[in-house]
C-alpha atoms as a PDB file:
ATOM      1  CA  MET A   1      62.316 112.759 176.042  1.00  0.00           C
ATOM      2  CA  LYS A   2      59.271 110.613 176.820  1.00  0.00           C
ATOM      3  CA  ASN A   3      57.312 113.751 177.658  1.00  0.00           C
ATOM      4  CA  ARG A   4      58.161 115.191 174.241  1.00  0.00           C
ATOM      5  CA  ILE A   5      56.950 112.037 172.526  1.00  0.00           C
ATOM      6  CA  VAL A   6      53.661 112.144 174.447  1.00  0.00           C
ATOM      7  CA  LEU A   7      53.258 115.861 173.664  1.00  0.00           C
ATOM      8  CA  ASN A   8      53.952 115.368 169.943  1.00  0.00           C
ATOM      9  CA  LYS A   9      51.466 112.480 169.754  1.00  0.00           C
ATOM     10  CA  SER A  10      48.679 115.044 170.042  1.00  0.00           C
ATOM     11  CA  ALA A  11      49.661 116.360 166.599  1.00  0.00           C
ATOM     12  CA  PHE A  12      48.043 113.300 164.978  1.00  0.00           C
ATOM     13  CA  SER A  13      44.370 112.573 164.439  1.00  0.00           C
ATOM     14  CA  ASN A  14      44.906 108.970 163.342  1.00  0.00           C
ATOM     15  CA  ILE A  15      45.535 106.569 166.221  1.00  0.00           C
ATOM     16  CA  VAL A  16      47.697 104.386 163.977  1.00  0.00           C
ATOM     17  CA  MET A  17      50.002 107.274 163.038  1.00  0.00           C
ATOM     18  CA  GLU A  18      50.037 108.371 166.681  1.00  0.00           C
ATOM     19  CA  ARG A  19      51.262 104.909 167.640  1.00  0.00           C
ATOM     20  CA  TYR A  20      53.819 104.869 164.823  1.00  0.00           C
ATOM     21  CA  PHE A  21      55.290 108.157 166.014  1.00  0.00           C
ATOM     22  CA  GLU A  22      55.439 106.892 169.599  1.00  0.00           C
ATOM     23  CA  LEU A  23      57.274 103.739 168.480  1.00  0.00           C
ATOM     24  CA  PHE A  24      59.647 105.766 166.314  1.00  0.00           C
ATOM     25  CA  GLY A  25      60.426 108.095 169.232  1.00  0.00           C
ATOM     26  CA  THR A  26      61.239 105.143 171.483  1.00  0.00           C
ATOM     27  CA  TRP A  27      63.437 103.618 168.768  1.00  0.00           C
ATOM     28  CA  LEU A  28      65.235 106.939 168.249  1.00  0.00           C
ATOM     29  CA  LEU A  29      65.887 107.276 171.976  1.00  0.00           C
ATOM     30  CA  GLN A  30      67.508 103.844 172.069  1.00  0.00           C
ATOM     31  CA  ARG A  31      69.433 104.545 168.876  1.00  0.00           C
ATOM     32  CA  ILE A  32      71.070 107.893 169.676  1.00  0.00           C
ATOM     33  CA  GLY A  33      70.453 108.471 173.374  1.00  0.00           C
ATOM     34  CA  ALA A  34      67.969 110.575 175.328  1.00  0.00           C
ATOM     35  CA  HIS A  35      69.711 113.952 175.009  1.00  0.00           C
ATOM     36  CA  LYS A  36      70.239 113.882 171.243  1.00  0.00           C
ATOM     37  CA  ALA A  37      66.815 112.325 170.622  1.00  0.00           C
ATOM     38  CA  ALA A  38      65.146 115.086 172.653  1.00  0.00           C
ATOM     39  CA  LEU A  39      66.896 117.713 170.511  1.00  0.00           C
ATOM     40  CA  THR A  40      65.897 116.134 167.184  1.00  0.00           C
ATOM     41  CA  ILE A  41      62.510 114.432 167.664  1.00  0.00           C
ATOM     42  CA  ASN A  42      60.503 117.577 166.833  1.00  0.00           C
ATOM     43  CA  LYS A  43      61.900 117.816 163.297  1.00  0.00           C
ATOM     44  CA  TYR A  44      60.226 114.514 162.386  1.00  0.00           C
ATOM     45  CA  VAL A  45      56.732 115.641 163.425  1.00  0.00           C
ATOM     46  CA  PRO A  46      55.950 117.525 160.153  1.00  0.00           C
ATOM     47  CA  PHE A  47      57.054 114.478 158.150  1.00  0.00           C
ATOM     48  CA  PHE A  48      54.755 112.085 160.001  1.00  0.00           C
ATOM     49  CA  GLN A  49      51.944 114.675 159.831  1.00  0.00           C
ATOM     50  CA  GLU A  50      52.332 114.994 156.064  1.00  0.00           C
ATOM     51  CA  VAL A  51      52.338 111.202 155.695  1.00  0.00           C
ATOM     52  CA  GLU A  52      49.115 111.047 157.741  1.00  0.00           C
ATOM     53  CA  LYS A  53      47.544 113.837 155.698  1.00  0.00           C
ATOM     54  CA  LYS A  54      48.412 112.336 152.316  1.00  0.00           C
ATOM     55  CA  TRP A  55      47.965 108.598 152.914  1.00  0.00           C
ATOM     56  CA  ASN A  56      46.773 107.961 156.502  1.00  0.00           C
ATOM     57  CA  GLU A  57      49.350 105.152 156.559  1.00  0.00           C
ATOM     58  CA  ILE A  58      52.971 104.476 155.590  1.00  0.00           C
ATOM     59  CA  PRO A  59      53.033 104.471 151.765  1.00  0.00           C
ATOM     60  CA  SER A  60      55.543 102.836 149.442  1.00  0.00           C
ATOM     61  CA  TYR A  61      59.027 104.278 149.099  1.00  0.00           C
ATOM     62  CA  GLU A  62      58.195 105.359 145.543  1.00  0.00           C
ATOM     63  CA  PHE A  63      55.332 107.528 146.825  1.00  0.00           C
ATOM     64  CA  LEU A  64      57.579 109.089 149.475  1.00  0.00           C
ATOM     65  CA  LEU A  65      60.191 109.904 146.840  1.00  0.00           C
ATOM     66  CA  GLU A  66      57.566 111.527 144.650  1.00  0.00           C
ATOM     67  CA  ALA A  67      56.143 113.579 147.501  1.00  0.00           C
ATOM     68  CA  PHE A  68      59.285 114.638 149.370  1.00  0.00           C
ATOM     69  CA  GLY A  69      62.191 114.208 146.968  1.00  0.00           C
ATOM     70  CA  GLN A  70      65.462 112.408 147.587  1.00  0.00           C
ATOM     71  CA  GLU A  71      67.245 115.349 149.215  1.00  0.00           C
ATOM     72  CA  SER A  72      64.521 115.811 151.847  1.00  0.00           C
ATOM     73  CA  LEU A  73      64.373 112.088 152.552  1.00  0.00           C
ATOM     74  CA  LYS A  74      68.139 112.037 153.192  1.00  0.00           C
ATOM     75  CA  LYS A  75      67.529 114.407 156.117  1.00  0.00           C
ATOM     76  CA  LEU A  76      64.808 112.066 157.379  1.00  0.00           C
ATOM     77  CA  LYS A  77      66.946 108.926 157.107  1.00  0.00           C
ATOM     78  CA  PRO A  78      66.367 107.748 160.731  1.00  0.00           C
ATOM     79  CA  ALA A  79      62.589 107.776 160.197  1.00  0.00           C
ATOM     80  CA  LEU A  80      62.972 105.714 157.021  1.00  0.00           C
ATOM     81  CA  GLU A  81      65.331 103.293 158.759  1.00  0.00           C
ATOM     82  CA  TRP A  82      62.792 102.817 161.544  1.00  0.00           C
ATOM     83  CA  MET A  83      59.997 102.194 159.015  1.00  0.00           C
ATOM     84  CA  SER A  84      62.219  99.658 157.256  1.00  0.00           C
ATOM     85  CA  SER A  85      63.124  97.925 160.535  1.00  0.00           C
ATOM     86  CA  GLN A  86      59.410  97.515 161.288  1.00  0.00           C
ATOM     87  CA  LYS A  87      58.732  96.101 157.785  1.00  0.00           C
ATOM     88  CA  LEU A  88      56.522  99.143 157.101  1.00  0.00           C
ATOM     89  CA  LEU A  89      58.698 100.312 154.217  1.00  0.00           C
ATOM     90  CA  LEU A  90      60.850  98.618 151.594  1.00  0.00           C
ATOM     91  CA  LEU A  91      63.821 100.837 150.787  1.00  0.00           C
ATOM     92  CA  ASN A  92      64.336 100.529 147.061  1.00  0.00           C
ATOM     93  CA  ASP A  93      67.717 101.446 145.547  1.00  0.00           C
ATOM     94  CA  GLU A  94      66.303 101.128 142.047  1.00  0.00           C
ATOM     95  CA  ALA A  95      63.543 103.610 142.876  1.00  0.00           C
ATOM     96  CA  LYS A  96      66.193 105.986 144.266  1.00  0.00           C
ATOM     97  CA  GLN A  97      68.146 105.814 141.012  1.00  0.00           C
ATOM     98  CA  ILE A  98      65.051 106.312 138.876  1.00  0.00           C
ATOM     99  CA  HIS A  99      64.053 109.349 140.921  1.00  0.00           C
ATOM    100  CA  LEU A 100      67.590 110.756 140.695  1.00  0.00           C
ATOM    101  CA  ASP A 101      67.706 110.240 136.931  1.00  0.00           C
ATOM    102  CA  GLU A 102      64.312 111.905 136.455  1.00  0.00           C
ATOM    103  CA  ARG A 103      65.292 114.838 138.669  1.00  0.00           C
ATOM    104  CA  LEU A 104      68.552 115.395 136.789  1.00  0.00           C
ATOM    105  CA  ILE A 105      66.800 115.119 133.425  1.00  0.00           C
ATOM    106  CA  GLY A 106      64.393 117.824 134.552  1.00  0.00           C
ATOM    107  CA  ARG A 107      67.311 119.990 135.705  1.00  0.00           C
ATOM    108  CA  TYR A 108      69.106 119.607 132.370  1.00  0.00           C
ATOM    109  CA  LEU A 109      65.984 120.507 130.411  1.00  0.00           C
ATOM    110  CA  ASP A 110      65.271 123.523 132.609  1.00  0.00           C
ATOM    111  CA  SER A 111      68.761 124.902 131.984  1.00  0.00           C
ATOM    112  CA  VAL A 112      67.226 126.119 128.728  1.00  0.00           C
ATOM    113  CA  PRO A 113      64.158 128.339 129.367  1.00  0.00           C
ATOM    114  CA  GLN A 114      60.839 126.808 128.359  1.00  0.00           C
ATOM    115  CA  GLN A 115      59.955 129.795 126.150  1.00  0.00           C
ATOM    116  CA  SER A 116      63.283 129.733 124.311  1.00  0.00           C
ATOM    117  CA  PRO A 117      63.327 128.481 120.687  1.00  0.00           C
ATOM    118  CA  ALA A 118      66.365 126.397 121.699  1.00  0.00           C
ATOM    119  CA  ARG A 119      64.198 124.408 124.112  1.00  0.00           C
ATOM    120  CA  VAL A 120      62.079 122.988 121.275  1.00  0.00           C
ATOM    121  CA  PRO A 121      64.777 120.729 119.731  1.00  0.00           C
ATOM    122  CA  LEU A 122      65.834 119.653 123.224  1.00  0.00           C
ATOM    123  CA  ASN A 123      62.277 118.616 124.106  1.00  0.00           C
ATOM    124  CA  ARG A 124      61.954 116.746 120.824  1.00  0.00           C
ATOM    125  CA  TYR A 125      65.188 114.897 121.501  1.00  0.00           C
ATOM    126  CA  ARG A 126      63.928 113.933 124.962  1.00  0.00           C
ATOM    127  CA  ASP A 127      60.700 112.629 123.423  1.00  0.00           C
ATOM    128  CA  TYR A 128      62.695 110.647 120.855  1.00  0.00           C
ATOM    129  CA  LEU A 129      64.797 109.050 123.602  1.00  0.00           C
ATOM    130  CA  ILE A 130      61.720 108.220 125.689  1.00  0.00           C
ATOM    131  CA  GLU A 131      60.186 106.487 122.671  1.00  0.00           C
ATOM    132  CA  LYS A 132      63.356 104.404 122.357  1.00  0.00           C
ATOM    133  CA  LYS A 133      63.117 103.491 126.036  1.00  0.00           C
ATOM    134  CA  GLN A 134      59.518 102.381 125.632  1.00  0.00           C
ATOM    135  CA  VAL A 135      60.590  99.778 123.059  1.00  0.00           C
ATOM    136  CA  GLY A 136      63.550  98.655 125.149  1.00  0.00           C
ATOM    137  CA  LYS A 137      66.297 100.288 123.081  1.00  0.00           C
ATOM    138  CA  THR A 138      67.675 102.530 125.821  1.00  0.00           C
ATOM    139  CA  SER A 139      67.481 103.125 129.578  1.00  0.00           C
ATOM    140  CA  LEU A 140      66.578 106.070 131.768  1.00  0.00           C
ATOM    141  CA  ARG A 141      70.224 106.392 132.798  1.00  0.00           C
ATOM    142  CA  SER A 142      71.287 106.539 129.143  1.00  0.00           C
ATOM    143  CA  ILE A 143      68.660 109.220 128.506  1.00  0.00           C
ATOM    144  CA  ARG A 144      70.095 111.262 131.379  1.00  0.00           C
ATOM    145  CA  LEU A 145      73.643 110.880 130.068  1.00  0.00           C
ATOM    146  CA  ALA A 146      72.551 111.867 126.552  1.00  0.00           C
ATOM    147  CA  LEU A 147      70.541 114.904 127.610  1.00  0.00           C
ATOM    148  CA  ARG A 148      73.262 116.509 129.712  1.00  0.00           C
ATOM    149  CA  PRO A 149      75.596 117.442 126.816  1.00  0.00           C
ATOM    150  CA  ALA A 150      72.608 118.159 124.573  1.00  0.00           C
ATOM    151  CA  ALA A 151      71.273 120.659 127.117  1.00  0.00           C
ATOM    152  CA  THR A 152      74.708 122.278 127.468  1.00  0.00           C
ATOM    153  CA  LEU A 153      74.929 122.777 123.707  1.00  0.00           C
ATOM    154  CA  GLN A 154      71.359 124.070 123.448  1.00  0.00           C
ATOM    155  CA  LYS A 155      72.037 126.493 126.287  1.00  0.00           C
ATOM    156  CA  MET A 156      74.874 127.916 124.184  1.00  0.00           C
ATOM    157  CA  ALA A 157      72.442 128.290 121.276  1.00  0.00           C
ATOM    158  CA  HIS A 158      69.854 129.944 123.548  1.00  0.00           C
ATOM    159  CA  GLU A 159      72.366 132.458 124.876  1.00  0.00           C
ATOM    160  CA  SER A 160      73.084 133.485 121.283  1.00  0.00           C
ATOM    161  CA  GLY A 161      69.381 133.739 120.452  1.00  0.00           C
ATOM    162  CA  PHE A 162      69.404 130.683 118.159  1.00  0.00           C
ATOM    163  CA  GLU A 163      67.140 127.658 117.936  1.00  0.00           C
ATOM    164  CA  PHE A 164      69.985 125.375 116.889  1.00  0.00           C
ATOM    165  CA  PRO A 165      73.706 125.392 117.681  1.00  0.00           C
ATOM    166  CA  THR A 166      76.106 126.764 115.083  1.00  0.00           C
ATOM    167  CA  GLN A 167      79.167 124.889 113.856  1.00  0.00           C
ATOM    168  CA  MET A 168      81.325 127.326 115.818  1.00  0.00           C
ATOM    169  CA  GLN A 169      79.413 126.568 119.019  1.00  0.00           C
ATOM    170  CA  LEU A 170      79.737 122.834 118.409  1.00  0.00           C
ATOM    171  CA  ASP A 171      83.476 123.256 117.801  1.00  0.00           C
ATOM    172  CA  THR A 172      83.799 125.255 121.026  1.00  0.00           C
ATOM    173  CA  PHE A 173      81.835 122.615 122.928  1.00  0.00           C
ATOM    174  CA  LEU A 174      84.185 119.872 121.703  1.00  0.00           C
ATOM    175  CA  VAL A 175      87.336 121.920 122.379  1.00  0.00           C
ATOM    176  CA  GLU A 176      86.239 122.501 125.970  1.00  0.00           C
ATOM    177  CA  ARG A 177      84.851 118.987 126.434  1.00  0.00           C
ATOM    178  CA  PRO A 178      86.651 116.561 124.077  1.00  0.00           C
ATOM    179  CA  GLY A 179      85.588 113.630 126.226  1.00  0.00           C
ATOM    180  CA  GLN A 180      81.951 114.401 125.409  1.00  0.00           C
ATOM    181  CA  GLU A 181      82.264 113.715 121.669  1.00  0.00           C
ATOM    182  CA  ALA A 182      80.633 110.281 121.925  1.00  0.00           C
ATOM    183  CA  ALA A 183      77.936 111.571 124.292  1.00  0.00           C
ATOM    184  CA  ILE A 184      76.922 114.451 121.990  1.00  0.00           C
ATOM    185  CA  THR A 185      77.010 112.379 118.769  1.00  0.00           C
ATOM    186  CA  GLY A 186      73.459 111.088 119.175  1.00  0.00           C
ATOM    187  CA  PHE A 187      72.037 114.584 119.570  1.00  0.00           C
ATOM    188  CA  ILE A 188      73.971 115.958 116.589  1.00  0.00           C
ATOM    189  CA  ASN A 189      72.816 113.069 114.408  1.00  0.00           C
ATOM    190  CA  PHE A 190      69.252 113.715 115.581  1.00  0.00           C
ATOM    191  CA  LEU A 191      69.487 117.418 114.681  1.00  0.00           C
ATOM    192  CA  ILE A 192      70.964 116.629 111.266  1.00  0.00           C
ATOM    193  CA  LYS A 193      68.275 114.062 110.486  1.00  0.00           C
ATOM    194  CA  GLU A 194      65.299 116.036 111.807  1.00  0.00           C
ATOM    195  CA  ASN A 195      66.307 119.517 110.633  1.00  0.00           C
ATOM    196  CA  ALA A 196      68.741 118.964 107.746  1.00  0.00           C
ATOM    197  CA  LEU A 197      71.447 120.907 109.584  1.00  0.00           C
ATOM    198  CA  ASN A 198      74.983 121.045 108.244  1.00  0.00           C
ATOM    199  CA  LEU A 199      76.893 120.178 111.411  1.00  0.00           C
ATOM    200  CA  GLU A 200      80.143 118.233 111.649  1.00  0.00           C
ATOM    201  CA  LEU A 201      81.683 116.588 114.680  1.00  0.00           C
ATOM    202  CA  ARG A 202      85.352 117.535 114.748  1.00  0.00           C
ATOM    203  CA  VAL A 203      87.841 118.001 117.562  1.00  0.00           C
ATOM    204  CA  ASP A 204      90.570 120.581 116.949  1.00  0.00           C
ATOM    205  CA  SER A 205      93.488 119.096 118.890  1.00  0.00           C
ATOM    206  CA  LYS A 206      95.531 122.319 118.790  1.00  0.00           C
ATOM    207  CA  LYS A 207      92.684 124.397 120.176  1.00  0.00           C
ATOM    208  CA  HIS A 208      91.969 121.752 122.791  1.00  0.00           C
ATOM    209  CA  LYS A 209      95.600 121.746 123.958  1.00  0.00           C
ATOM    210  CA  ALA A 210      95.599 125.547 124.152  1.00  0.00           C
ATOM    211  CA  HIS A 211      92.341 125.501 126.127  1.00  0.00           C
ATOM    212  CA  ARG A 212      93.680 122.807 128.459  1.00  0.00           C
ATOM    213  CA  ARG A 213      96.872 124.807 129.033  1.00  0.00           C
ATOM    214  CA  LYS A 214      94.859 127.883 130.010  1.00  0.00           C
ATOM    215  CA  LEU A 215      92.888 125.817 132.506  1.00  0.00           C
ATOM    216  CA  LEU A 216      96.120 124.480 134.018  1.00  0.00           C
ATOM    217  CA  GLU A 217      97.549 128.007 134.247  1.00  0.00           C
ATOM    218  CA  LYS A 218      94.435 129.131 136.060  1.00  0.00           C
ATOM    219  CA  SER A 219      94.713 126.203 138.482  1.00  0.00           C
ATOM    220  CA  ILE A 220      98.386 126.996 139.171  1.00  0.00           C
ATOM    221  CA  VAL A 221      97.636 130.670 139.802  1.00  0.00           C
ATOM    222  CA  ASN A 222      94.727 129.823 142.124  1.00  0.00           C
ATOM    223  CA  LEU A 223      96.860 127.369 144.094  1.00  0.00           C
ATOM    224  CA  ILE A 224      99.747 129.840 144.457  1.00  0.00           C
ATOM    225  CA  MET A 225      97.416 132.656 145.496  1.00  0.00           C
ATOM    226  CA  SER A 226      95.740 130.420 148.092  1.00  0.00           C
ATOM    227  CA  GLY A 227      99.009 130.157 150.029  1.00  0.00           C
ATOM    228  CA  ARG A 228      98.259 126.524 150.880  1.00  0.00           C
ATOM    229  CA  LYS A 229     101.127 124.106 151.547  1.00  0.00           C
ATOM    230  CA  ASP A 230      99.265 121.193 153.109  1.00  0.00           C
ATOM    231  CA  GLU A 231      99.461 117.625 151.809  1.00  0.00           C
ATOM    232  CA  GLY A 232      96.311 117.973 149.716  1.00  0.00           C
ATOM    233  CA  ALA A 233      97.651 121.136 148.074  1.00  0.00           C
ATOM    234  CA  LEU A 234     100.996 119.437 147.375  1.00  0.00           C
ATOM    235  CA  LYS A 235      99.317 116.471 145.662  1.00  0.00           C
ATOM    236  CA  LYS A 236      97.329 118.870 143.496  1.00  0.00           C
ATOM    237  CA  TRP A 237     100.451 120.944 142.762  1.00  0.00           C
ATOM    238  CA  ILE A 238     102.410 117.881 141.627  1.00  0.00           C
ATOM    239  CA  LYS A 239      99.620 116.653 139.374  1.00  0.00           C
ATOM    240  CA  ILE A 240      99.031 120.057 137.754  1.00  0.00           C
ATOM    241  CA  SER A 241     102.742 120.896 137.413  1.00  0.00           C
ATOM    242  CA  LEU A 242     103.637 117.574 135.811  1.00  0.00           C
ATOM    243  CA  GLU A 243     100.992 118.075 133.146  1.00  0.00           C
ATOM    244  CA  TYR A 244     101.741 121.774 132.632  1.00  0.00           C
ATOM    245  CA  PHE A 245     105.560 121.657 132.573  1.00  0.00           C
ATOM    246  CA  HIS A 246     106.164 118.147 131.220  1.00  0.00           C
ATOM    247  CA  GLY A 247     102.969 116.985 129.506  1.00  0.00           C
ATOM    248  CA  VAL A 248     102.543 114.043 131.873  1.00  0.00           C
ATOM    249  CA  PRO A 249      98.893 112.885 131.557  1.00  0.00           C
ATOM    250  CA  LYS A 250      96.826 113.617 134.660  1.00  0.00           C
ATOM    251  CA  SER A 251      95.792 109.959 134.850  1.00  0.00           C
ATOM    252  CA  MET A 252      99.456 108.980 135.234  1.00  0.00           C
ATOM    253  CA  ALA A 253     100.257 111.835 137.614  1.00  0.00           C
ATOM    254  CA  ALA A 254      97.369 110.803 139.864  1.00  0.00           C
ATOM    255  CA  LYS A 255      98.983 107.380 140.457  1.00  0.00           C
ATOM    256  CA  ILE A 256     102.319 108.681 141.746  1.00  0.00           C
ATOM    257  CA  SER A 257     103.353 107.148 145.067  1.00  0.00           C
ATOM    258  CA  HIS A 258     104.638 109.116 148.026  1.00  0.00           C
ATOM    259  CA  GLU A 259     108.059 107.463 147.615  1.00  0.00           C
ATOM    260  CA  ALA A 260     108.385 108.856 144.077  1.00  0.00           C
ATOM    261  CA  VAL A 261     108.382 112.442 145.357  1.00  0.00           C
ATOM    262  CA  VAL A 262     111.674 113.938 146.575  1.00  0.00           C
ATOM    263  CA  GLU A 263     111.844 117.452 148.014  1.00  0.00           C
ATOM    264  CA  ASN A 264     115.020 119.263 147.027  1.00  0.00           C
ATOM    265  CA  GLU A 265     116.985 121.643 149.255  1.00  0.00           C
ATOM    266  CA  ASP A 266     115.645 124.706 147.432  1.00  0.00           C
ATOM    267  CA  GLY A 267     112.027 123.621 147.997  1.00  0.00           C
ATOM    268  CA  SER A 268     111.476 122.288 144.483  1.00  0.00           C
ATOM    269  CA  TYR A 269     110.568 118.655 143.807  1.00  0.00           C
ATOM    270  CA  THR A 270     111.906 115.795 141.745  1.00  0.00           C
ATOM    271  CA  ILE A 271     109.330 113.238 140.696  1.00  0.00           C
ATOM    272  CA  ARG A 272     110.411 109.826 139.431  1.00  0.00           C
ATOM    273  CA  ILE A 273     108.073 108.207 136.904  1.00  0.00           C
ATOM    274  CA  GLY A 274     109.026 105.081 134.975  1.00  0.00           C
ATOM    275  CA  GLY A 275     112.733 105.574 135.524  1.00  0.00           C
ATOM    276  CA  GLU A 276     112.644 109.234 134.469  1.00  0.00           C
ATOM    277  CA  ASP A 277     113.072 112.255 136.766  1.00  0.00           C
ATOM    278  CA  TYR A 278     110.820 115.295 136.390  1.00  0.00           C
ATOM    279  CA  TRP A 279     111.555 118.595 138.114  1.00  0.00           C
ATOM    280  CA  ILE A 280     108.770 120.893 139.274  1.00  0.00           C
ATOM    281  CA  PRO A 281     109.136 124.222 141.119  1.00  0.00           C
ATOM    282  CA  GLU A 282     108.432 124.920 144.743  1.00  0.00           C
ATOM    283  CA  ILE A 283     104.763 125.240 145.568  1.00  0.00           C
ATOM    284  CA  ASN A 284     103.629 128.878 145.866  1.00  0.00           C
ATOM    285  CA  GLN A 285     106.834 130.131 144.220  1.00  0.00           C
ATOM    286  CA  THR A 286     106.190 133.711 143.069  1.00  0.00           C
ATOM    287  CA  SER A 287     108.625 133.373 140.144  1.00  0.00           C
ATOM    288  CA  THR A 288     106.386 130.630 138.774  1.00  0.00           C
ATOM    289  CA  LEU A 289     103.425 132.982 139.049  1.00  0.00           C
ATOM    290  CA  ARG A 290     105.347 135.706 137.199  1.00  0.00           C
ATOM    291  CA  SER A 291     106.410 133.370 134.397  1.00  0.00           C
ATOM    292  CA  ILE A 292     102.835 132.158 133.870  1.00  0.00           C
ATOM    293  CA  SER A 293     101.341 135.651 134.086  1.00  0.00           C
ATOM    294  CA  GLY A 294     103.945 136.933 131.667  1.00  0.00           C
END
């Protein structure tokens, strides 16, 4: 291991960075042992080389995030921990969150092609939100949360060749994502104000229930076809079946204790909730699959 450290030191032209790498290698050896350190030390060389090339010293965590990205830095966590232990780097959770928010905002925006007419209103909405942030009326996290549903809706408009979403697309969005009504309200109000669009926020409860039922049917079919009967599959089966067959909310079904579940002789289950018994069929029962498919 020590030979590898000495050999890799020659990759640096700056004596300070050469020394940093040597100290990191020694720290890594003590941290994870000689064998594992010898197998992994080489993967850190390009990182230290890039740091030397860009800054000739250890920069701030914000600069590392900008240059390498959060995902790459996760893979280099031992190097960052060593830098932090030597007081060469201040790991900043706030900077991590800011970088994550900015990355996700970029991903949401890019879900609609730059050249698409539907991208224009989305960009304008982003600019509007950034202006609000600059005067302290919103946060970067709130901008991220607002842009996600807005981008989803604009992607629907783009796929239809439109600049703006239609009422039908907005209705579909809300049927499929009723929990997003509050999140999308700001964007709809922005579109109405800026473009005089005639859009109305409305959730069709009947359509939503029908859509939810189809999703549950799909989940039941997938679980039956998987052939799984492990504990994780059983928990999922109980939760889905209670909602599908009895209308028990998934939030309530998720809180069921192990003691509340009784397996019957025929393989079916009886679930006791609030003094009431609910019957659900045996997991992977083909008759259940036939009844749903039919």
